[in-house]
PDB file of all heavy atoms in Angstrom:
ATOM      1  N   VAL A   1     124.307  90.034 105.718  1.00  0.00           N
ATOM      2  CA  VAL A   1     124.035  88.764 106.402  1.00  0.00           C
ATOM      3  C   VAL A   1     122.699  88.153 105.889  1.00  0.00           C
ATOM      4  O   VAL A   1     122.611  86.951 105.710  1.00  0.00           O
ATOM      5  CB  VAL A   1     124.022  88.968 107.913  1.00  0.00           C
ATOM      6  CG1 VAL A   1     123.561  87.711 108.669  1.00  0.00           C
ATOM      7  CG2 VAL A   1     125.380  89.371 108.386  1.00  0.00           C
ATOM      8  N   ARG A   2     121.717  89.038 105.645  1.00  0.00           N
ATOM      9  CA  ARG A   2     120.447  88.563 105.130  1.00  0.00           C
ATOM     10  C   ARG A   2     120.674  87.852 103.867  1.00  0.00           C
ATOM     11  O   ARG A   2     120.119  86.723 103.567  1.00  0.00           O
ATOM     12  CB  ARG A   2     119.447  89.698 104.951  1.00  0.00           C
ATOM     13  CG  ARG A   2     118.135  89.287 104.379  1.00  0.00           C
ATOM     14  CD  ARG A   2     117.154  90.431 104.183  1.00  0.00           C
ATOM     15  NE  ARG A   2     116.817  91.039 105.465  1.00  0.00           N
ATOM     16  CZ  ARG A   2     117.131  92.270 105.843  1.00  0.00           C
ATOM     17  NH1 ARG A   2     117.764  93.036 104.964  1.00  0.00           N
ATOM     18  NH2 ARG A   2     116.765  92.729 107.030  1.00  0.00           N
ATOM     19  N   GLU A   3     121.470  88.419 102.947  1.00  0.00           N
ATOM     20  CA  GLU A   3     121.725  87.863 101.616  1.00  0.00           C
ATOM     21  C   GLU A   3     122.343  86.408 101.808  1.00  0.00           C
ATOM     22  O   GLU A   3     122.032  85.493 100.988  1.00  0.00           O
ATOM     23  CB  GLU A   3     122.678  88.692 100.839  1.00  0.00           C
ATOM     24  CG  GLU A   3     122.901  88.214  99.437  1.00  0.00           C
ATOM     25  CD  GLU A   3     123.744  89.188  98.659  1.00  0.00           C
ATOM     26  OE1 GLU A   3     123.660  90.441  98.873  1.00  0.00           O
ATOM     27  OE2 GLU A   3     124.593  88.696  97.845  1.00  0.00           O
ATOM     28  N   LEU A   4     123.190  86.198 102.787  1.00  0.00           N
ATOM     29  CA  LEU A   4     123.784  84.832 102.992  1.00  0.00           C
ATOM     30  C   LEU A   4     122.851  83.917 103.685  1.00  0.00           C
ATOM     31  O   LEU A   4     122.739  82.792 103.273  1.00  0.00           O
ATOM     32  CB  LEU A   4     125.066  85.028 103.873  1.00  0.00           C
ATOM     33  CG  LEU A   4     126.197  85.788 103.260  1.00  0.00           C
ATOM     34  CD1 LEU A   4     127.272  86.077 104.323  1.00  0.00           C
ATOM     35  CD2 LEU A   4     126.808  85.103 102.068  1.00  0.00           C
ATOM     36  N   ALA A   5     122.098  84.354 104.691  1.00  0.00           N
ATOM     37  CA  ALA A   5     121.298  83.497 105.575  1.00  0.00           C
ATOM     38  C   ALA A   5     120.005  83.057 104.887  1.00  0.00           C
ATOM     39  O   ALA A   5     119.572  81.884 105.000  1.00  0.00           O
ATOM     40  CB  ALA A   5     120.993  84.163 106.851  1.00  0.00           C
ATOM     41  N   ILE A   6     119.368  83.972 104.114  1.00  0.00           N
ATOM     42  CA  ILE A   6     118.017  83.648 103.531  1.00  0.00           C
ATOM     43  C   ILE A   6     118.136  82.662 102.464  1.00  0.00           C
ATOM     44  O   ILE A   6     117.103  82.054 102.088  1.00  0.00           O
ATOM     45  CB  ILE A   6     117.378  84.993 103.084  1.00  0.00           C
ATOM     46  CG1 ILE A   6     115.891  84.910 103.251  1.00  0.00           C
ATOM     47  CG2 ILE A   6     117.758  85.359 101.712  1.00  0.00           C
ATOM     48  CD1 ILE A   6     115.430  84.928 104.671  1.00  0.00           C
ATOM     49  N   ARG A   7     119.335  82.367 101.903  1.00  0.00           N
ATOM     50  CA  ARG A   7     119.494  81.304 100.806  1.00  0.00           C
ATOM     51  C   ARG A   7     119.277  79.893 101.447  1.00  0.00           C
ATOM     52  O   ARG A   7     119.012  78.955 100.716  1.00  0.00           O
ATOM     53  CB  ARG A   7     120.932  81.374 100.329  1.00  0.00           C
ATOM     54  CG  ARG A   7     121.208  82.595  99.578  1.00  0.00           C
ATOM     55  CD  ARG A   7     122.656  82.643  99.089  1.00  0.00           C
ATOM     56  NE  ARG A   7     122.991  83.880  98.540  1.00  0.00           N
ATOM     57  CZ  ARG A   7     124.268  84.173  98.200  1.00  0.00           C
ATOM     58  NH1 ARG A   7     125.227  83.382  98.450  1.00  0.00           N
ATOM     59  NH2 ARG A   7     124.503  85.391  97.644  1.00  0.00           N
ATOM     60  N   LEU A   8     119.395  79.757 102.714  1.00  0.00           N
ATOM     61  CA  LEU A   8     119.318  78.445 103.379  1.00  0.00           C
ATOM     62  C   LEU A   8     117.848  78.055 103.579  1.00  0.00           C
ATOM     63  O   LEU A   8     117.003  78.949 103.829  1.00  0.00           O
ATOM     64  CB  LEU A   8     120.034  78.518 104.753  1.00  0.00           C
ATOM     65  CG  LEU A   8     121.532  78.838 104.651  1.00  0.00           C
ATOM     66  CD1 LEU A   8     122.077  79.188 105.982  1.00  0.00           C
ATOM     67  CD2 LEU A   8     122.338  77.713 103.980  1.00  0.00           C
ATOM     68  N   PRO A   9     117.554  76.785 103.411  1.00  0.00           N
ATOM     69  CA  PRO A   9     116.115  76.354 103.546  1.00  0.00           C
ATOM     70  C   PRO A   9     115.453  76.669 104.848  1.00  0.00           C
ATOM     71  O   PRO A   9     116.037  76.460 105.888  1.00  0.00           O
ATOM     72  CB  PRO A   9     116.286  74.776 103.333  1.00  0.00           C
ATOM     73  CG  PRO A   9     117.595  74.564 102.722  1.00  0.00           C
ATOM     74  CD  PRO A   9     118.486  75.676 103.164  1.00  0.00           C
ATOM     75  N   GLU A  10     114.178  77.123 104.721  1.00  0.00           N
ATOM     76  CA  GLU A  10     113.345  77.372 105.838  1.00  0.00           C
ATOM     77  C   GLU A  10     113.865  78.436 106.870  1.00  0.00           C
ATOM     78  O   GLU A  10     113.412  78.402 108.029  1.00  0.00           O
ATOM     79  CB  GLU A  10     112.944  76.031 106.499  1.00  0.00           C
ATOM     80  CG  GLU A  10     112.210  75.175 105.578  1.00  0.00           C
ATOM     81  CD  GLU A  10     111.697  73.894 106.229  1.00  0.00           C
ATOM     82  OE1 GLU A  10     111.470  73.837 107.453  1.00  0.00           O
ATOM     83  OE2 GLU A  10     111.612  72.818 105.514  1.00  0.00           O
ATOM     84  N   VAL A  11     114.696  79.282 106.430  1.00  0.00           N
ATOM     85  CA  VAL A  11     115.186  80.331 107.281  1.00  0.00           C
ATOM     86  C   VAL A  11     114.164  81.489 107.357  1.00  0.00           C
ATOM     87  O   VAL A  11     113.567  81.881 106.410  1.00  0.00           O
ATOM     88  CB  VAL A  11     116.552  80.914 106.833  1.00  0.00           C
ATOM     89  CG1 VAL A  11     116.944  82.213 107.591  1.00  0.00           C
ATOM     90  CG2 VAL A  11     117.589  79.826 106.987  1.00  0.00           C
ATOM     91  N   THR A  12     113.969  81.959 108.605  1.00  0.00           N
ATOM     92  CA  THR A  12     113.089  83.091 108.858  1.00  0.00           C
ATOM     93  C   THR A  12     113.874  84.212 109.490  1.00  0.00           C
ATOM     94  O   THR A  12     114.830  83.956 110.219  1.00  0.00           O
ATOM     95  CB  THR A  12     111.861  82.760 109.691  1.00  0.00           C
ATOM     96  OG1 THR A  12     112.336  82.232 110.958  1.00  0.00           O
ATOM     97  CG2 THR A  12     111.004  81.737 109.006  1.00  0.00           C
ATOM     98  N   GLU A  13     113.406  85.421 109.370  1.00  0.00           N
ATOM     99  CA  GLU A  13     113.990  86.561 110.006  1.00  0.00           C
ATOM    100  C   GLU A  13     113.103  87.114 111.066  1.00  0.00           C
ATOM    101  O   GLU A  13     111.860  87.153 110.807  1.00  0.00           O
ATOM    102  CB  GLU A  13     114.330  87.666 108.975  1.00  0.00           C
ATOM    103  CG  GLU A  13     114.947  88.885 109.451  1.00  0.00           C
ATOM    104  CD  GLU A  13     115.317  89.933 108.445  1.00  0.00           C
ATOM    105  OE1 GLU A  13     115.287  89.585 107.255  1.00  0.00           O
ATOM    106  OE2 GLU A  13     115.649  91.029 108.798  1.00  0.00           O
ATOM    107  N   LYS A  14     113.614  87.509 112.186  1.00  0.00           N
ATOM    108  CA  LYS A  14     112.734  87.918 113.280  1.00  0.00           C
ATOM    109  C   LYS A  14     113.471  89.071 114.026  1.00  0.00           C
ATOM    110  O   LYS A  14     114.706  88.980 114.237  1.00  0.00           O
ATOM    111  CB  LYS A  14     112.378  86.798 114.215  1.00  0.00           C
ATOM    112  CG  LYS A  14     111.452  87.142 115.358  1.00  0.00           C
ATOM    113  CD  LYS A  14     111.122  85.940 116.196  1.00  0.00           C
ATOM    114  CE  LYS A  14     110.243  86.206 117.345  1.00  0.00           C
ATOM    115  NZ  LYS A  14     109.960  85.046 118.153  1.00  0.00           N
ATOM    116  N   VAL A  15     112.753  90.029 114.521  1.00  0.00           N
ATOM    117  CA  VAL A  15     113.274  91.009 115.378  1.00  0.00           C
ATOM    118  C   VAL A  15     112.722  90.726 116.801  1.00  0.00           C
ATOM    119  O   VAL A  15     111.505  90.704 116.990  1.00  0.00           O
ATOM    120  CB  VAL A  15     112.913  92.423 114.973  1.00  0.00           C
ATOM    121  CG1 VAL A  15     113.452  93.494 115.997  1.00  0.00           C
ATOM    122  CG2 VAL A  15     113.474  92.778 113.554  1.00  0.00           C
ATOM    123  N   ASP A  16     113.601  90.499 117.755  1.00  0.00           N
ATOM    124  CA  ASP A  16     113.146  90.128 119.073  1.00  0.00           C
ATOM    125  C   ASP A  16     112.813  91.356 119.979  1.00  0.00           C
ATOM    126  O   ASP A  16     112.965  92.463 119.428  1.00  0.00           O
ATOM    127  CB  ASP A  16     114.156  89.160 119.806  1.00  0.00           C
ATOM    128  CG  ASP A  16     115.491  89.888 120.151  1.00  0.00           C
ATOM    129  OD1 ASP A  16     115.588  91.130 120.137  1.00  0.00           O
ATOM    130  OD2 ASP A  16     116.431  89.116 120.361  1.00  0.00           O
ATOM    131  N   SER A  17     112.397  91.165 121.189  1.00  0.00           N
ATOM    132  CA  SER A  17     111.965  92.242 122.051  1.00  0.00           C
ATOM    133  C   SER A  17     113.149  93.117 122.475  1.00  0.00           C
ATOM    134  O   SER A  17     112.908  94.211 122.955  1.00  0.00           O
ATOM    135  CB  SER A  17     111.329  91.695 123.290  1.00  0.00           C
ATOM    136  OG  SER A  17     112.198  90.826 123.997  1.00  0.00           O
ATOM    137  N   PHE A  18     114.397  92.692 122.250  1.00  0.00           N
ATOM    138  CA  PHE A  18     115.549  93.498 122.469  1.00  0.00           C
ATOM    139  C   PHE A  18     115.945  94.355 121.319  1.00  0.00           C
ATOM    140  O   PHE A  18     116.939  95.161 121.412  1.00  0.00           O
ATOM    141  CB  PHE A  18     116.731  92.650 122.968  1.00  0.00           C
ATOM    142  CG  PHE A  18     116.538  91.881 124.222  1.00  0.00           C
ATOM    143  CD1 PHE A  18     116.292  90.508 124.243  1.00  0.00           C
ATOM    144  CD2 PHE A  18     116.569  92.555 125.469  1.00  0.00           C
ATOM    145  CE1 PHE A  18     116.060  89.834 125.395  1.00  0.00           C
ATOM    146  CE2 PHE A  18     116.376  91.831 126.645  1.00  0.00           C
ATOM    147  CZ  PHE A  18     116.129  90.522 126.589  1.00  0.00           C
ATOM    148  N   GLY A  19     115.296  94.172 120.208  1.00  0.00           N
ATOM    149  CA  GLY A  19     115.578  94.897 118.983  1.00  0.00           C
ATOM    150  C   GLY A  19     116.617  94.197 118.105  1.00  0.00           C
ATOM    151  O   GLY A  19     117.039  94.713 117.100  1.00  0.00           O
ATOM    152  N   HIS A  20     117.025  93.014 118.566  1.00  0.00           N
ATOM    153  CA  HIS A  20     118.043  92.268 117.765  1.00  0.00           C
ATOM    154  C   HIS A  20     117.378  91.552 116.563  1.00  0.00           C
ATOM    155  O   HIS A  20     116.329  90.980 116.700  1.00  0.00           O
ATOM    156  CB  HIS A  20     118.652  91.149 118.581  1.00  0.00           C
ATOM    157  CG  HIS A  20     119.403  91.672 119.775  1.00  0.00           C
ATOM    158  ND1 HIS A  20     119.151  91.129 121.015  1.00  0.00           N
ATOM    159  CD2 HIS A  20     120.349  92.637 119.918  1.00  0.00           C
ATOM    160  CE1 HIS A  20     119.960  91.746 121.897  1.00  0.00           C
ATOM    161  NE2 HIS A  20     120.634  92.668 121.281  1.00  0.00           N
ATOM    162  N   THR A  21     118.042  91.652 115.421  1.00  0.00           N
ATOM    163  CA  THR A  21     117.531  90.960 114.256  1.00  0.00           C
ATOM    164  C   THR A  21     118.192  89.647 114.283  1.00  0.00           C
ATOM    165  O   THR A  21     119.405  89.467 114.579  1.00  0.00           O
ATOM    166  CB  THR A  21     118.035  91.631 112.905  1.00  0.00           C
ATOM    167  OG1 THR A  21     117.496  92.950 112.916  1.00  0.00           O
ATOM    168  CG2 THR A  21     117.547  90.902 111.713  1.00  0.00           C
ATOM    169  N   SER A  22     117.396  88.564 114.137  1.00  0.00           N
ATOM    170  CA  SER A  22     117.865  87.142 114.156  1.00  0.00           C
ATOM    171  C   SER A  22     117.438  86.460 112.931  1.00  0.00           C
ATOM    172  O   SER A  22     116.398  86.766 112.299  1.00  0.00           O
ATOM    173  CB  SER A  22     117.364  86.447 115.354  1.00  0.00           C
ATOM    174  OG  SER A  22     115.941  86.291 115.368  1.00  0.00           O
ATOM    175  N   PHE A  23     118.257  85.511 112.554  1.00  0.00           N
ATOM    176  CA  PHE A  23     117.911  84.561 111.468  1.00  0.00           C
ATOM    177  C   PHE A  23     117.740  83.204 112.182  1.00  0.00           C
ATOM    178  O   PHE A  23     118.628  82.810 112.962  1.00  0.00           O
ATOM    179  CB  PHE A  23     118.949  84.557 110.349  1.00  0.00           C
ATOM    180  CG  PHE A  23     118.846  85.843 109.559  1.00  0.00           C
ATOM    181  CD1 PHE A  23     119.663  86.832 109.801  1.00  0.00           C
ATOM    182  CD2 PHE A  23     117.951  85.948 108.551  1.00  0.00           C
ATOM    183  CE1 PHE A  23     119.614  88.050 109.118  1.00  0.00           C
ATOM    184  CE2 PHE A  23     117.827  87.116 107.850  1.00  0.00           C
ATOM    185  CZ  PHE A  23     118.688  88.178 108.173  1.00  0.00           C
ATOM    186  N   ARG A  24     116.678  82.485 111.807  1.00  0.00           N
ATOM    187  CA  ARG A  24     116.281  81.257 112.578  1.00  0.00           C
ATOM    188  C   ARG A  24     115.928  80.139 111.641  1.00  0.00           C
ATOM    189  O   ARG A  24     115.409  80.436 110.497  1.00  0.00           O
ATOM    190  CB  ARG A  24     115.128  81.574 113.484  1.00  0.00           C
ATOM    191  CG  ARG A  24     115.357  82.677 114.461  1.00  0.00           C
ATOM    192  CD  ARG A  24     113.973  83.162 115.036  1.00  0.00           C
ATOM    193  NE  ARG A  24     114.221  84.018 116.149  1.00  0.00           N
ATOM    194  CZ  ARG A  24     114.304  83.632 117.487  1.00  0.00           C
ATOM    195  NH1 ARG A  24     114.120  82.414 117.777  1.00  0.00           N
ATOM    196  NH2 ARG A  24     114.637  84.468 118.364  1.00  0.00           N
ATOM    197  N   VAL A  25     116.099  78.967 112.150  1.00  0.00           N
ATOM    198  CA  VAL A  25     115.572  77.814 111.392  1.00  0.00           C
ATOM    199  C   VAL A  25     114.823  76.978 112.479  1.00  0.00           C
ATOM    200  O   VAL A  25     115.350  76.796 113.539  1.00  0.00           O
ATOM    201  CB  VAL A  25     116.696  76.973 110.694  1.00  0.00           C
ATOM    202  CG1 VAL A  25     117.750  76.499 111.665  1.00  0.00           C
ATOM    203  CG2 VAL A  25     116.074  75.831 109.912  1.00  0.00           C
ATOM    204  N   ASN A  26     113.593  76.554 112.185  1.00  0.00           N
ATOM    205  CA  ASN A  26     112.754  75.837 113.139  1.00  0.00           C
ATOM    206  C   ASN A  26     112.664  76.673 114.425  1.00  0.00           C
ATOM    207  O   ASN A  26     112.646  76.121 115.525  1.00  0.00           O
ATOM    208  CB  ASN A  26     113.387  74.478 113.422  1.00  0.00           C
ATOM    209  CG  ASN A  26     112.456  73.510 113.936  1.00  0.00           C
ATOM    210  OD1 ASN A  26     111.242  73.541 113.679  1.00  0.00           O
ATOM    211  ND2 ASN A  26     112.868  72.518 114.746  1.00  0.00           N
ATOM    212  N   ASP A  27     112.601  77.973 114.293  1.00  0.00           N
ATOM    213  CA  ASP A  27     112.506  79.001 115.337  1.00  0.00           C
ATOM    214  C   ASP A  27     113.655  78.985 116.312  1.00  0.00           C
ATOM    215  O   ASP A  27     113.605  79.483 117.445  1.00  0.00           O
ATOM    216  CB  ASP A  27     111.132  78.891 116.103  1.00  0.00           C
ATOM    217  CG  ASP A  27     110.876  80.251 116.753  1.00  0.00           C
ATOM    218  OD1 ASP A  27     111.170  81.224 116.211  1.00  0.00           O
ATOM    219  OD2 ASP A  27     110.241  80.145 117.918  1.00  0.00           O
ATOM    220  N   LYS A  28     114.819  78.381 115.900  1.00  0.00           N
ATOM    221  CA  LYS A  28     116.069  78.422 116.635  1.00  0.00           C
ATOM    222  C   LYS A  28     116.993  79.383 115.966  1.00  0.00           C
ATOM    223  O   LYS A  28     117.375  79.270 114.853  1.00  0.00           O
ATOM    224  CB  LYS A  28     116.694  77.015 116.721  1.00  0.00           C
ATOM    225  CG  LYS A  28     115.902  75.991 117.498  1.00  0.00           C
ATOM    226  CD  LYS A  28     116.602  74.701 117.568  1.00  0.00           C
ATOM    227  CE  LYS A  28     115.806  73.695 118.279  1.00  0.00           C
ATOM    228  NZ  LYS A  28     116.433  72.338 118.272  1.00  0.00           N
TER     229      LYS A  28
END
């Protein structure tokens, strides 16, 4: 999923307090 998501402009990866990995744009 990282390989697909990180290609998109301004995408960031974050691990939240629940331990979920998320991909975000504009912190959404």
